[in-house]
Amino acid sequence: MSYAGSAPCSGAACDTSGIELTILLQHYVLYPEQEHHGKEYRYNYLNDGEIRAIMEASPRRLLSLSGHLHRGHPLVTRNGVTYFIGAALCEHPFSYYLLHTDADEITVHEFHAT
């Protein structure tokens, strides 16, 4: 398999048998788009639409974890990709998370530092 702009996949790294979920970590938000900040919101990737299109074309089940949006955003699924934005660790209530996955469901447990 390969995606536009990437090298063809080969070898053991491309064997997806037995993989139930691929987790992608990035700092900036990929989805949901931050329209309420206007088109000049500077904390998104310039090509976030292209990145989402590549992810949505993947045959794998994907979970995208990101931050930067200090208020966070709950789990949301768009075109087969699940997205989660964790709230800021540096602001009250100092949230952190435990995510549990199984074959069909992703569950988020939120905790707060005391």
PDB file of N, CA and C in Angstrom:
ATOM      1  N   MET A   1       0.835  -1.163   0.000  1.00  0.00           N
ATOM      2  CA  MET A   1       0.000   0.000   0.000  1.00  0.00           C
ATOM      3  C   MET A   1       0.878   1.223   0.000  1.00  0.00           C
ATOM      4  N   SER A   2       0.387   2.320  -0.555  1.00  0.00           N
ATOM      5  CA  SER A   2       1.096   3.590  -0.485  1.00  0.00           C
ATOM      6  C   SER A   2       0.082   4.711  -0.575  1.00  0.00           C
ATOM      7  N   TYR A   3       0.488   5.858  -0.125  1.00  0.00           N
ATOM      8  CA  TYR A   3      -0.356   7.045  -0.164  1.00  0.00           C
ATOM      9  C   TYR A   3       0.344   8.096  -1.010  1.00  0.00           C
ATOM     10  N   ALA A   4      -0.429   9.024  -1.540  1.00  0.00           N
ATOM     11  CA  ALA A   4       0.144  10.090  -2.341  1.00  0.00           C
ATOM     12  C   ALA A   4       1.252  10.778  -1.558  1.00  0.00           C
ATOM     13  N   GLY A   5       2.395  10.930  -2.179  1.00  0.00           N
ATOM     14  CA  GLY A   5       3.495  11.617  -1.530  1.00  0.00           C
ATOM     15  C   GLY A   5       4.316  10.740  -0.604  1.00  0.00           C
ATOM     16  N   SER A   6       4.045   9.454  -0.556  1.00  0.00           N
ATOM     17  CA  SER A   6       4.811   8.581   0.328  1.00  0.00           C
ATOM     18  C   SER A   6       5.452   7.467  -0.479  1.00  0.00           C
ATOM     19  N   ALA A   7       6.454   6.864   0.103  1.00  0.00           N
ATOM     20  CA  ALA A   7       7.117   5.739  -0.544  1.00  0.00           C
ATOM     21  C   ALA A   7       6.236   4.504  -0.438  1.00  0.00           C
ATOM     22  N   PRO A   8       6.319   3.585  -1.402  1.00  0.00           N
ATOM     23  CA  PRO A   8       5.543   2.350  -1.301  1.00  0.00           C
ATOM     24  C   PRO A   8       5.904   1.591  -0.032  1.00  0.00           C
ATOM     25  N   CYS A   9       4.926   0.966   0.540  1.00  0.00           N
ATOM     26  CA  CYS A   9       5.126   0.213   1.766  1.00  0.00           C
ATOM     27  C   CYS A   9       5.563  -1.205   1.407  1.00  0.00           C
ATOM     28  N   SER A  10       6.582  -1.713   2.103  1.00  0.00           N
ATOM     29  CA  SER A  10       7.020  -3.075   1.854  1.00  0.00           C
ATOM     30  C   SER A  10       7.613  -3.649   3.131  1.00  0.00           C
ATOM     31  N   GLY A  11       7.645  -4.951   3.204  1.00  0.00           N
ATOM     32  CA  GLY A  11       8.268  -5.627   4.332  1.00  0.00           C
ATOM     33  C   GLY A  11       7.354  -5.786   5.524  1.00  0.00           C
ATOM     34  N   ALA A  12       7.951  -6.214   6.627  1.00  0.00           N
ATOM     35  CA  ALA A  12       7.197  -6.518   7.842  1.00  0.00           C
ATOM     36  C   ALA A  12       6.481  -5.307   8.408  1.00  0.00           C
ATOM     37  N   ALA A  13       7.016  -4.105   8.205  1.00  0.00           N
ATOM     38  CA  ALA A  13       6.380  -2.897   8.742  1.00  0.00           C
ATOM     39  C   ALA A  13       5.019  -2.646   8.106  1.00  0.00           C
ATOM     40  N   CYS A  14       4.754  -3.247   6.969  1.00  0.00           N
ATOM     41  CA  CYS A  14       3.494  -3.016   6.266  1.00  0.00           C
ATOM     42  C   CYS A  14       2.481  -4.128   6.477  1.00  0.00           C
ATOM     43  N   ASP A  15       2.838  -5.120   7.232  1.00  0.00           N
ATOM     44  CA  ASP A  15       1.921  -6.223   7.506  1.00  0.00           C
ATOM     45  C   ASP A  15       0.905  -5.766   8.546  1.00  0.00           C
ATOM     46  N   THR A  16      -0.340  -5.581   8.125  1.00  0.00           N
ATOM     47  CA  THR A  16      -1.378  -5.072   9.028  1.00  0.00           C
ATOM     48  C   THR A  16      -2.193  -6.185   9.665  1.00  0.00           C
ATOM     49  N   SER A  17      -1.860  -7.440   9.412  1.00  0.00           N
ATOM     50  CA  SER A  17      -2.628  -8.519  10.008  1.00  0.00           C
ATOM     51  C   SER A  17      -2.428  -8.494  11.522  1.00  0.00           C
ATOM     52  N   GLY A  18      -3.514  -8.585  12.218  1.00  0.00           N
ATOM     53  CA  GLY A  18      -3.458  -8.592  13.670  1.00  0.00           C
ATOM     54  C   GLY A  18      -3.472  -7.217  14.314  1.00  0.00           C
ATOM     55  N   ILE A  19      -3.353  -6.168  13.521  1.00  0.00           N
ATOM     56  CA  ILE A  19      -3.406  -4.814  14.073  1.00  0.00           C
ATOM     57  C   ILE A  19      -4.856  -4.360  14.086  1.00  0.00           C
ATOM     58  N   GLU A  20      -5.369  -4.077  15.272  1.00  0.00           N
ATOM     59  CA  GLU A  20      -6.758  -3.655  15.386  1.00  0.00           C
ATOM     60  C   GLU A  20      -6.912  -2.149  15.359  1.00  0.00           C
ATOM     61  N   LEU A  21      -5.892  -1.416  15.785  1.00  0.00           N
ATOM     62  CA  LEU A  21      -5.993   0.035  15.872  1.00  0.00           C
ATOM     63  C   LEU A  21      -4.616   0.648  15.710  1.00  0.00           C
ATOM     64  N   THR A  22      -4.526   1.675  14.896  1.00  0.00           N
ATOM     65  CA  THR A  22      -3.298   2.440  14.751  1.00  0.00           C
ATOM     66  C   THR A  22      -3.538   3.789  15.401  1.00  0.00           C
ATOM     67  N   ILE A  23      -2.641   4.187  16.303  1.00  0.00           N
ATOM     68  CA  ILE A  23      -2.785   5.452  17.020  1.00  0.00           C
ATOM     69  C   ILE A  23      -1.773   6.444  16.464  1.00  0.00           C
ATOM     70  N   LEU A  24      -2.271   7.606  16.092  1.00  0.00           N
ATOM     71  CA  LEU A  24      -1.438   8.671  15.544  1.00  0.00           C
ATOM     72  C   LEU A  24      -1.394   9.809  16.549  1.00  0.00           C
ATOM     73  N   LEU A  25      -0.204  10.274  16.867  1.00  0.00           N
ATOM     74  CA  LEU A  25      -0.031  11.373  17.822  1.00  0.00           C
ATOM     75  C   LEU A  25       0.503  12.592  17.091  1.00  0.00           C
ATOM     76  N   GLN A  26      -0.113  13.727  17.326  1.00  0.00           N
ATOM     77  CA  GLN A  26       0.384  14.977  16.783  1.00  0.00           C
ATOM     78  C   GLN A  26       0.002  16.105  17.730  1.00  0.00           C
ATOM     79  N   HIS A  27       0.752  17.170  17.681  1.00  0.00           N
ATOM     80  CA  HIS A  27       0.486  18.281  18.595  1.00  0.00           C
ATOM     81  C   HIS A  27      -0.713  19.102  18.141  1.00  0.00           C
ATOM     82  N   TYR A  28      -0.743  19.488  16.887  1.00  0.00           N
ATOM     83  CA  TYR A  28      -1.808  20.367  16.395  1.00  0.00           C
ATOM     84  C   TYR A  28      -3.065  19.591  16.046  1.00  0.00           C
ATOM     85  N   VAL A  29      -4.161  20.319  15.989  1.00  0.00           N
ATOM     86  CA  VAL A  29      -5.482  19.750  15.748  1.00  0.00           C
ATOM     87  C   VAL A  29      -5.653  19.417  14.263  1.00  0.00           C
ATOM     88  N   LEU A  30      -6.134  18.201  13.982  1.00  0.00           N
ATOM     89  CA  LEU A  30      -6.506  17.831  12.617  1.00  0.00           C
ATOM     90  C   LEU A  30      -8.017  17.921  12.398  1.00  0.00           C
ATOM     91  N   TYR A  31      -8.767  17.576  13.425  1.00  0.00           N
ATOM     92  CA  TYR A  31     -10.221  17.624  13.347  1.00  0.00           C
ATOM     93  C   TYR A  31     -10.762  17.592  14.771  1.00  0.00           C
ATOM     94  N   PRO A  32     -11.823  18.283  15.092  1.00  0.00           N
ATOM     95  CA  PRO A  32     -12.619  19.131  14.204  1.00  0.00           C
ATOM     96  C   PRO A  32     -11.889  20.425  13.866  1.00  0.00           C
ATOM     97  N   GLU A  33     -12.190  20.932  12.672  1.00  0.00           N
ATOM     98  CA  GLU A  33     -11.580  22.182  12.243  1.00  0.00           C
ATOM     99  C   GLU A  33     -12.032  23.296  13.174  1.00  0.00           C
ATOM    100  N   GLN A  34     -11.200  24.270  13.348  1.00  0.00           N
ATOM    101  CA  GLN A  34     -11.475  25.342  14.301  1.00  0.00           C
ATOM    102  C   GLN A  34     -12.017  26.580  13.595  1.00  0.00           C
ATOM    103  N   GLU A  35     -13.185  26.427  12.940  1.00  0.00           N
ATOM    104  CA  GLU A  35     -13.768  27.518  12.165  1.00  0.00           C
ATOM    105  C   GLU A  35     -14.066  28.745  13.023  1.00  0.00           C
ATOM    106  N   HIS A  36     -14.440  28.524  14.270  1.00  0.00           N
ATOM    107  CA  HIS A  36     -14.827  29.660  15.107  1.00  0.00           C
ATOM    108  C   HIS A  36     -13.653  30.604  15.371  1.00  0.00           C
ATOM    109  N   HIS A  37     -12.437  30.158  15.095  1.00  0.00           N
ATOM    110  CA  HIS A  37     -11.278  31.038  15.229  1.00  0.00           C
ATOM    111  C   HIS A  37     -11.013  31.777  13.918  1.00  0.00           C
ATOM    112  N   GLY A  38     -11.754  31.453  12.874  1.00  0.00           N
ATOM    113  CA  GLY A  38     -11.553  32.076  11.569  1.00  0.00           C
ATOM    114  C   GLY A  38     -10.482  31.374  10.765  1.00  0.00           C
ATOM    115  N   LYS A  39     -10.417  31.717   9.496  1.00  0.00           N
ATOM    116  CA  LYS A  39      -9.459  31.071   8.593  1.00  0.00           C
ATOM    117  C   LYS A  39      -8.018  31.404   8.957  1.00  0.00           C
ATOM    118  N   GLU A  40      -7.808  32.413   9.769  1.00  0.00           N
ATOM    119  CA  GLU A  40      -6.462  32.806  10.156  1.00  0.00           C
ATOM    120  C   GLU A  40      -5.973  32.079  11.404  1.00  0.00           C
ATOM    121  N   TYR A  41      -6.751  31.103  11.913  1.00  0.00           N
ATOM    122  CA  TYR A  41      -6.314  30.338  13.075  1.00  0.00           C
ATOM    123  C   TYR A  41      -4.991  29.678  12.726  1.00  0.00           C
ATOM    124  N   ARG A  42      -3.939  30.016  13.410  1.00  0.00           N
ATOM    125  CA  ARG A  42      -2.594  29.628  13.005  1.00  0.00           C
ATOM    126  C   ARG A  42      -2.089  28.355  13.655  1.00  0.00           C
ATOM    127  N   TYR A  43      -2.920  27.669  14.391  1.00  0.00           N
ATOM    128  CA  TYR A  43      -2.451  26.482  15.101  1.00  0.00           C
ATOM    129  C   TYR A  43      -2.974  25.187  14.491  1.00  0.00           C
ATOM    130  N   ASN A  44      -3.247  25.210  13.219  1.00  0.00           N
ATOM    131  CA  ASN A  44      -3.568  24.000  12.466  1.00  0.00           C
ATOM    132  C   ASN A  44      -2.437  23.771  11.471  1.00  0.00           C
ATOM    133  N   TYR A  45      -2.337  22.559  10.980  1.00  0.00           N
ATOM    134  CA  TYR A  45      -1.404  22.295   9.897  1.00  0.00           C
ATOM    135  C   TYR A  45      -1.914  22.996   8.645  1.00  0.00           C
ATOM    136  N   LEU A  46      -1.015  23.519   7.833  1.00  0.00           N
ATOM    137  CA  LEU A  46      -1.436  24.203   6.609  1.00  0.00           C
ATOM    138  C   LEU A  46      -2.109  23.239   5.647  1.00  0.00           C
ATOM    139  N   ASN A  47      -1.745  21.969   5.717  1.00  0.00           N
ATOM    140  CA  ASN A  47      -2.318  20.956   4.818  1.00  0.00           C
ATOM    141  C   ASN A  47      -3.179  19.952   5.596  1.00  0.00           C
ATOM    142  N   ASP A  48      -3.894  20.425   6.620  1.00  0.00           N
ATOM    143  CA  ASP A  48      -4.674  19.485   7.448  1.00  0.00           C
ATOM    144  C   ASP A  48      -5.714  18.715   6.646  1.00  0.00           C
ATOM    145  N   GLY A  49      -6.300  19.320   5.628  1.00  0.00           N
ATOM    146  CA  GLY A  49      -7.254  18.605   4.779  1.00  0.00           C
ATOM    147  C   GLY A  49      -6.605  17.453   4.039  1.00  0.00           C
ATOM    148  N   GLU A  50      -5.388  17.654   3.559  1.00  0.00           N
ATOM    149  CA  GLU A  50      -4.655  16.593   2.872  1.00  0.00           C
ATOM    150  C   GLU A  50      -4.304  15.471   3.842  1.00  0.00           C
ATOM    151  N   ILE A  51      -3.896  15.836   5.043  1.00  0.00           N
ATOM    152  CA  ILE A  51      -3.556  14.820   6.048  1.00  0.00           C
ATOM    153  C   ILE A  51      -4.778  13.989   6.381  1.00  0.00           C
ATOM    154  N   ARG A  52      -5.929  14.646   6.588  1.00  0.00           N
ATOM    155  CA  ARG A  52      -7.168  13.909   6.882  1.00  0.00           C
ATOM    156  C   ARG A  52      -7.552  12.996   5.729  1.00  0.00           C
ATOM    157  N   ALA A  53      -7.383  13.457   4.495  1.00  0.00           N
ATOM    158  CA  ALA A  53      -7.729  12.629   3.328  1.00  0.00           C
ATOM    159  C   ALA A  53      -6.878  11.366   3.287  1.00  0.00           C
ATOM    160  N   ILE A  54      -5.590  11.477   3.594  1.00  0.00           N
ATOM    161  CA  ILE A  54      -4.711  10.301   3.631  1.00  0.00           C
ATOM    162  C   ILE A  54      -5.176   9.351   4.723  1.00  0.00           C
ATOM    163  N   MET A  55      -5.465   9.903   5.895  1.00  0.00           N
ATOM    164  CA  MET A  55      -5.917   9.066   7.006  1.00  0.00           C
ATOM    165  C   MET A  55      -7.235   8.374   6.665  1.00  0.00           C
ATOM    166  N   GLU A  56      -8.163   9.097   6.072  1.00  0.00           N
ATOM    167  CA  GLU A  56      -9.474   8.539   5.749  1.00  0.00           C
ATOM    168  C   GLU A  56      -9.400   7.477   4.662  1.00  0.00           C
ATOM    169  N   ALA A  57      -8.347   7.511   3.862  1.00  0.00           N
ATOM    170  CA  ALA A  57      -8.164   6.499   2.813  1.00  0.00           C
ATOM    171  C   ALA A  57      -7.482   5.238   3.340  1.00  0.00           C
ATOM    172  N   SER A  58      -7.006   5.284   4.563  1.00  0.00           N
ATOM    173  CA  SER A  58      -6.288   4.143   5.124  1.00  0.00           C
ATOM    174  C   SER A  58      -7.232   2.967   5.363  1.00  0.00           C
ATOM    175  N   PRO A  59      -6.777   1.754   5.102  1.00  0.00           N
ATOM    176  CA  PRO A  59      -7.595   0.586   5.407  1.00  0.00           C
ATOM    177  C   PRO A  59      -7.594   0.256   6.903  1.00  0.00           C
ATOM    178  N   ARG A  60      -6.712   0.872   7.656  1.00  0.00           N
ATOM    179  CA  ARG A  60      -6.611   0.606   9.088  1.00  0.00           C
ATOM    180  C   ARG A  60      -7.643   1.411   9.879  1.00  0.00           C
ATOM    181  N   ARG A  61      -7.939   0.927  11.049  1.00  0.00           N
ATOM    182  CA  ARG A  61      -8.753   1.671  12.005  1.00  0.00           C
ATOM    183  C   ARG A  61      -7.807   2.649  12.699  1.00  0.00           C
ATOM    184  N   LEU A  62      -8.127   3.955  12.663  1.00  0.00           N
ATOM    185  CA  LEU A  62      -7.215   4.979  13.149  1.00  0.00           C
ATOM    186  C   LEU A  62      -7.810   5.781  14.296  1.00  0.00           C
ATOM    187  N   LEU A  63      -6.944   6.111  15.260  1.00  0.00           N
ATOM    188  CA  LEU A  63      -7.268   7.024  16.339  1.00  0.00           C
ATOM    189  C   LEU A  63      -6.223   8.133  16.314  1.00  0.00           C
ATOM    190  N   SER A  64      -6.689   9.365  16.121  1.00  0.00           N
ATOM    191  CA  SER A  64      -5.822  10.531  16.096  1.00  0.00           C
ATOM    192  C   SER A  64      -5.902  11.240  17.432  1.00  0.00           C
ATOM    193  N   LEU A  65      -4.753  11.371  18.117  1.00  0.00           N
ATOM    194  CA  LEU A  65      -4.691  12.061  19.402  1.00  0.00           C
ATOM    195  C   LEU A  65      -3.907  13.351  19.224  1.00  0.00           C
ATOM    196  N   SER A  66      -4.491  14.451  19.655  1.00  0.00           N
ATOM    197  CA  SER A  66      -3.784  15.722  19.539  1.00  0.00           C
ATOM    198  C   SER A  66      -4.060  16.584  20.750  1.00  0.00           C
ATOM    199  N   GLY A  67      -3.439  17.731  20.762  1.00  0.00           N
ATOM    200  CA  GLY A  67      -3.567  18.671  21.858  1.00  0.00           C
ATOM    201  C   GLY A  67      -3.685  20.064  21.307  1.00  0.00           C
ATOM    202  N   HIS A  68      -3.030  20.978  21.952  1.00  0.00           N
ATOM    203  CA  HIS A  68      -2.919  22.380  21.608  1.00  0.00           C
ATOM    204  C   HIS A  68      -4.197  23.183  21.816  1.00  0.00           C
ATOM    205  N   LEU A  69      -5.342  22.612  21.545  1.00  0.00           N
ATOM    206  CA  LEU A  69      -6.605  23.307  21.789  1.00  0.00           C
ATOM    207  C   LEU A  69      -6.894  23.137  23.273  1.00  0.00           C
ATOM    208  N   HIS A  70      -6.615  24.150  24.070  1.00  0.00           N
ATOM    209  CA  HIS A  70      -6.581  24.006  25.520  1.00  0.00           C
ATOM    210  C   HIS A  70      -7.883  23.503  26.124  1.00  0.00           C
ATOM    211  N   ARG A  71      -9.009  23.803  25.535  1.00  0.00           N
ATOM    212  CA  ARG A  71     -10.278  23.313  26.095  1.00  0.00           C
ATOM    213  C   ARG A  71     -10.519  21.849  25.759  1.00  0.00           C
ATOM    214  N   GLY A  72      -9.766  21.290  24.786  1.00  0.00           N
ATOM    215  CA  GLY A  72      -9.940  19.899  24.382  1.00  0.00           C
ATOM    216  C   GLY A  72     -11.211  19.698  23.575  1.00  0.00           C
ATOM    217  N   HIS A  73     -11.428  18.449  23.181  1.00  0.00           N
ATOM    218  CA  HIS A  73     -12.641  18.075  22.438  1.00  0.00           C
ATOM    219  C   HIS A  73     -12.845  16.579  22.626  1.00  0.00           C
ATOM    220  N   PRO A  74     -14.094  16.167  22.904  1.00  0.00           N
ATOM    221  CA  PRO A  74     -14.337  14.731  23.108  1.00  0.00           C
ATOM    222  C   PRO A  74     -14.144  13.923  21.820  1.00  0.00           C
ATOM    223  N   LEU A  75     -14.154  12.621  21.977  1.00  0.00           N
ATOM    224  CA  LEU A  75     -14.054  11.729  20.821  1.00  0.00           C
ATOM    225  C   LEU A  75     -15.094  12.086  19.773  1.00  0.00           C
ATOM    226  N   VAL A  76     -14.672  12.111  18.539  1.00  0.00           N
ATOM    227  CA  VAL A  76     -15.579  12.307  17.417  1.00  0.00           C
ATOM    228  C   VAL A  76     -15.033  11.484  16.251  1.00  0.00           C
ATOM    229  N   THR A  77     -15.922  10.857  15.505  1.00  0.00           N
ATOM    230  CA  THR A  77     -15.500  10.062  14.347  1.00  0.00           C
ATOM    231  C   THR A  77     -15.981  10.739  13.078  1.00  0.00           C
ATOM    232  N   ARG A  78     -15.071  10.852  12.121  1.00  0.00           N
ATOM    233  CA  ARG A  78     -15.373  11.462  10.825  1.00  0.00           C
ATOM    234  C   ARG A  78     -14.775  10.580   9.748  1.00  0.00           C
ATOM    235  N   ASN A  79     -15.617  10.126   8.850  1.00  0.00           N
ATOM    236  CA  ASN A  79     -15.165   9.309   7.714  1.00  0.00           C
ATOM    237  C   ASN A  79     -14.259   8.159   8.140  1.00  0.00           C
ATOM    238  N   GLY A  80     -14.633   7.498   9.232  1.00  0.00           N
ATOM    239  CA  GLY A  80     -13.931   6.300   9.669  1.00  0.00           C
ATOM    240  C   GLY A  80     -12.729   6.531  10.557  1.00  0.00           C
ATOM    241  N   VAL A  81     -12.338   7.781  10.801  1.00  0.00           N
ATOM    242  CA  VAL A  81     -11.199   8.091  11.670  1.00  0.00           C
ATOM    243  C   VAL A  81     -11.743   8.703  12.953  1.00  0.00           C
ATOM    244  N   THR A  82     -11.248   8.233  14.102  1.00  0.00           N
ATOM    245  CA  THR A  82     -11.667   8.781  15.386  1.00  0.00           C
ATOM    246  C   THR A  82     -10.621   9.778  15.851  1.00  0.00           C
ATOM    247  N   TYR A  83     -11.093  10.938  16.308  1.00  0.00           N
ATOM    248  CA  TYR A  83     -10.223  12.030  16.743  1.00  0.00           C
ATOM    249  C   TYR A  83     -10.502  12.342  18.211  1.00  0.00           C
ATOM    250  N   PHE A  84      -9.440  12.675  18.952  1.00  0.00           N
ATOM    251  CA  PHE A  84      -9.577  13.110  20.340  1.00  0.00           C
ATOM    252  C   PHE A  84      -8.555  14.209  20.598  1.00  0.00           C
ATOM    253  N   ILE A  85      -9.010  15.289  21.245  1.00  0.00           N
ATOM    254  CA  ILE A  85      -8.127  16.384  21.618  1.00  0.00           C
ATOM    255  C   ILE A  85      -8.126  16.463  23.138  1.00  0.00           C
ATOM    256  N   GLY A  86      -6.978  16.200  23.726  1.00  0.00           N
ATOM    257  CA  GLY A  86      -6.856  16.290  25.176  1.00  0.00           C
ATOM    258  C   GLY A  86      -6.781  17.743  25.622  1.00  0.00           C
ATOM    259  N   ALA A  87      -7.453  18.058  26.731  1.00  0.00           N
ATOM    260  CA  ALA A  87      -7.386  19.407  27.292  1.00  0.00           C
ATOM    261  C   ALA A  87      -5.973  19.680  27.807  1.00  0.00           C
ATOM    262  N   ALA A  88      -5.661  20.944  27.975  1.00  0.00           N
ATOM    263  CA  ALA A  88      -4.323  21.353  28.398  1.00  0.00           C
ATOM    264  C   ALA A  88      -3.940  20.763  29.743  1.00  0.00           C
ATOM    265  N   LEU A  89      -2.751  20.214  29.798  1.00  0.00           N
ATOM    266  CA  LEU A  89      -2.212  19.689  31.050  1.00  0.00           C
ATOM    267  C   LEU A  89      -1.692  20.817  31.944  1.00  0.00           C
ATOM    268  N   CYS A  90      -1.496  21.994  31.370  1.00  0.00           N
ATOM    269  CA  CYS A  90      -0.873  23.098  32.088  1.00  0.00           C
ATOM    270  C   CYS A  90      -1.884  24.070  32.694  1.00  0.00           C
ATOM    271  N   GLU A  91      -3.174  23.764  32.575  1.00  0.00           N
ATOM    272  CA  GLU A  91      -4.212  24.651  33.097  1.00  0.00           C
ATOM    273  C   GLU A  91      -5.187  23.861  33.952  1.00  0.00           C
ATOM    274  N   HIS A  92      -5.741  24.532  34.944  1.00  0.00           N
ATOM    275  CA  HIS A  92      -6.753  23.907  35.799  1.00  0.00           C
ATOM    276  C   HIS A  92      -7.903  23.415  34.926  1.00  0.00           C
ATOM    277  N   PRO A  93      -8.399  22.205  35.078  1.00  0.00           N
ATOM    278  CA  PRO A  93      -8.219  21.294  36.204  1.00  0.00           C
ATOM    279  C   PRO A  93      -7.106  20.265  35.999  1.00  0.00           C
ATOM    280  N   PHE A  94      -6.133  20.558  35.113  1.00  0.00           N
ATOM    281  CA  PHE A  94      -4.959  19.694  34.897  1.00  0.00           C
ATOM    282  C   PHE A  94      -5.389  18.266  34.540  1.00  0.00           C
ATOM    283  N   SER A  95      -6.132  18.182  33.452  1.00  0.00           N
ATOM    284  CA  SER A  95      -6.704  16.900  33.013  1.00  0.00           C
ATOM    285  C   SER A  95      -5.644  15.969  32.431  1.00  0.00           C
ATOM    286  N   TYR A  96      -5.828  14.697  32.684  1.00  0.00           N
ATOM    287  CA  TYR A  96      -5.066  13.657  31.991  1.00  0.00           C
ATOM    288  C   TYR A  96      -6.024  12.500  31.746  1.00  0.00           C
ATOM    289  N   TYR A  97      -5.654  11.587  30.858  1.00  0.00           N
ATOM    290  CA  TYR A  97      -6.608  10.615  30.334  1.00  0.00           C
ATOM    291  C   TYR A  97      -6.051   9.203  30.310  1.00  0.00           C
ATOM    292  N   LEU A  98      -6.952   8.270  30.424  1.00  0.00           N
ATOM    293  CA  LEU A  98      -6.685   6.862  30.188  1.00  0.00           C
ATOM    294  C   LEU A  98      -7.637   6.437  29.085  1.00  0.00           C
ATOM    295  N   LEU A  99      -7.105   5.968  27.984  1.00  0.00           N
ATOM    296  CA  LEU A  99      -7.928   5.507  26.874  1.00  0.00           C
ATOM    297  C   LEU A  99      -7.881   3.997  26.830  1.00  0.00           C
ATOM    298  N   HIS A 100      -9.049   3.398  26.702  1.00  0.00           N
ATOM    299  CA  HIS A 100      -9.163   1.947  26.607  1.00  0.00           C
ATOM    300  C   HIS A 100      -9.750   1.631  25.241  1.00  0.00           C
ATOM    301  N   THR A 101      -9.125   0.695  24.543  1.00  0.00           N
ATOM    302  CA  THR A 101      -9.629   0.307  23.229  1.00  0.00           C
ATOM    303  C   THR A 101      -9.880  -1.186  23.195  1.00  0.00           C
ATOM    304  N   ASP A 102     -10.895  -1.564  22.434  1.00  0.00           N
ATOM    305  CA  ASP A 102     -11.107  -2.960  22.110  1.00  0.00           C
ATOM    306  C   ASP A 102     -11.491  -3.018  20.637  1.00  0.00           C
ATOM    307  N   ALA A 103     -11.956  -4.114  20.179  1.00  0.00           N
ATOM    308  CA  ALA A 103     -12.210  -4.291  18.750  1.00  0.00           C
ATOM    309  C   ALA A 103     -13.234  -3.303  18.206  1.00  0.00           C
ATOM    310  N   ASP A 104     -14.176  -2.855  19.027  1.00  0.00           N
ATOM    311  CA  ASP A 104     -15.257  -2.029  18.508  1.00  0.00           C
ATOM    312  C   ASP A 104     -15.385  -0.657  19.142  1.00  0.00           C
ATOM    313  N   GLU A 105     -14.693  -0.400  20.237  1.00  0.00           N
ATOM    314  CA  GLU A 105     -14.988   0.815  20.987  1.00  0.00           C
ATOM    315  C   GLU A 105     -13.719   1.424  21.579  1.00  0.00           C
ATOM    316  N   ILE A 106     -13.739   2.749  21.685  1.00  0.00           N
ATOM    317  CA  ILE A 106     -12.692   3.491  22.365  1.00  0.00           C
ATOM    318  C   ILE A 106     -13.372   4.233  23.501  1.00  0.00           C
ATOM    319  N   THR A 107     -12.862   4.059  24.717  1.00  0.00           N
ATOM    320  CA  THR A 107     -13.427   4.715  25.884  1.00  0.00           C
ATOM    321  C   THR A 107     -12.377   5.636  26.481  1.00  0.00           C
ATOM    322  N   VAL A 108     -12.786   6.867  26.815  1.00  0.00           N
ATOM    323  CA  VAL A 108     -11.885   7.842  27.408  1.00  0.00           C
ATOM    324  C   VAL A 108     -12.286   8.045  28.864  1.00  0.00           C
ATOM    325  N   HIS A 109     -11.324   7.912  29.760  1.00  0.00           N
ATOM    326  CA  HIS A 109     -11.523   8.201  31.179  1.00  0.00           C
ATOM    327  C   HIS A 109     -10.685   9.433  31.495  1.00  0.00           C
ATOM    328  N   GLU A 110     -11.332  10.471  32.009  1.00  0.00           N
ATOM    329  CA  GLU A 110     -10.637  11.717  32.321  1.00  0.00           C
ATOM    330  C   GLU A 110     -10.386  11.796  33.835  1.00  0.00           C
ATOM    331  N   PHE A 111      -9.191  12.232  34.183  1.00  0.00           N
ATOM    332  CA  PHE A 111      -8.800  12.421  35.574  1.00  0.00           C
ATOM    333  C   PHE A 111      -8.247  13.832  35.737  1.00  0.00           C
ATOM    334  N   HIS A 112      -8.211  14.307  36.968  1.00  0.00           N
ATOM    335  CA  HIS A 112      -7.684  15.636  37.243  1.00  0.00           C
ATOM    336  C   HIS A 112      -6.651  15.549  38.351  1.00  0.00           C
ATOM    337  N   ALA A 113      -5.536  16.246  38.158  1.00  0.00           N
ATOM    338  CA  ALA A 113      -4.493  16.287  39.177  1.00  0.00           C
ATOM    339  C   ALA A 113      -4.994  17.093  40.368  1.00  0.00           C
ATOM    340  N   THR A 114      -4.561  16.739  41.531  1.00  0.00           N
ATOM    341  CA  THR A 114      -4.995  17.478  42.722  1.00  0.00           C
ATOM    342  C   THR A 114      -3.871  18.297  43.285  1.00  0.00           C
TER     343      THR A 114
END
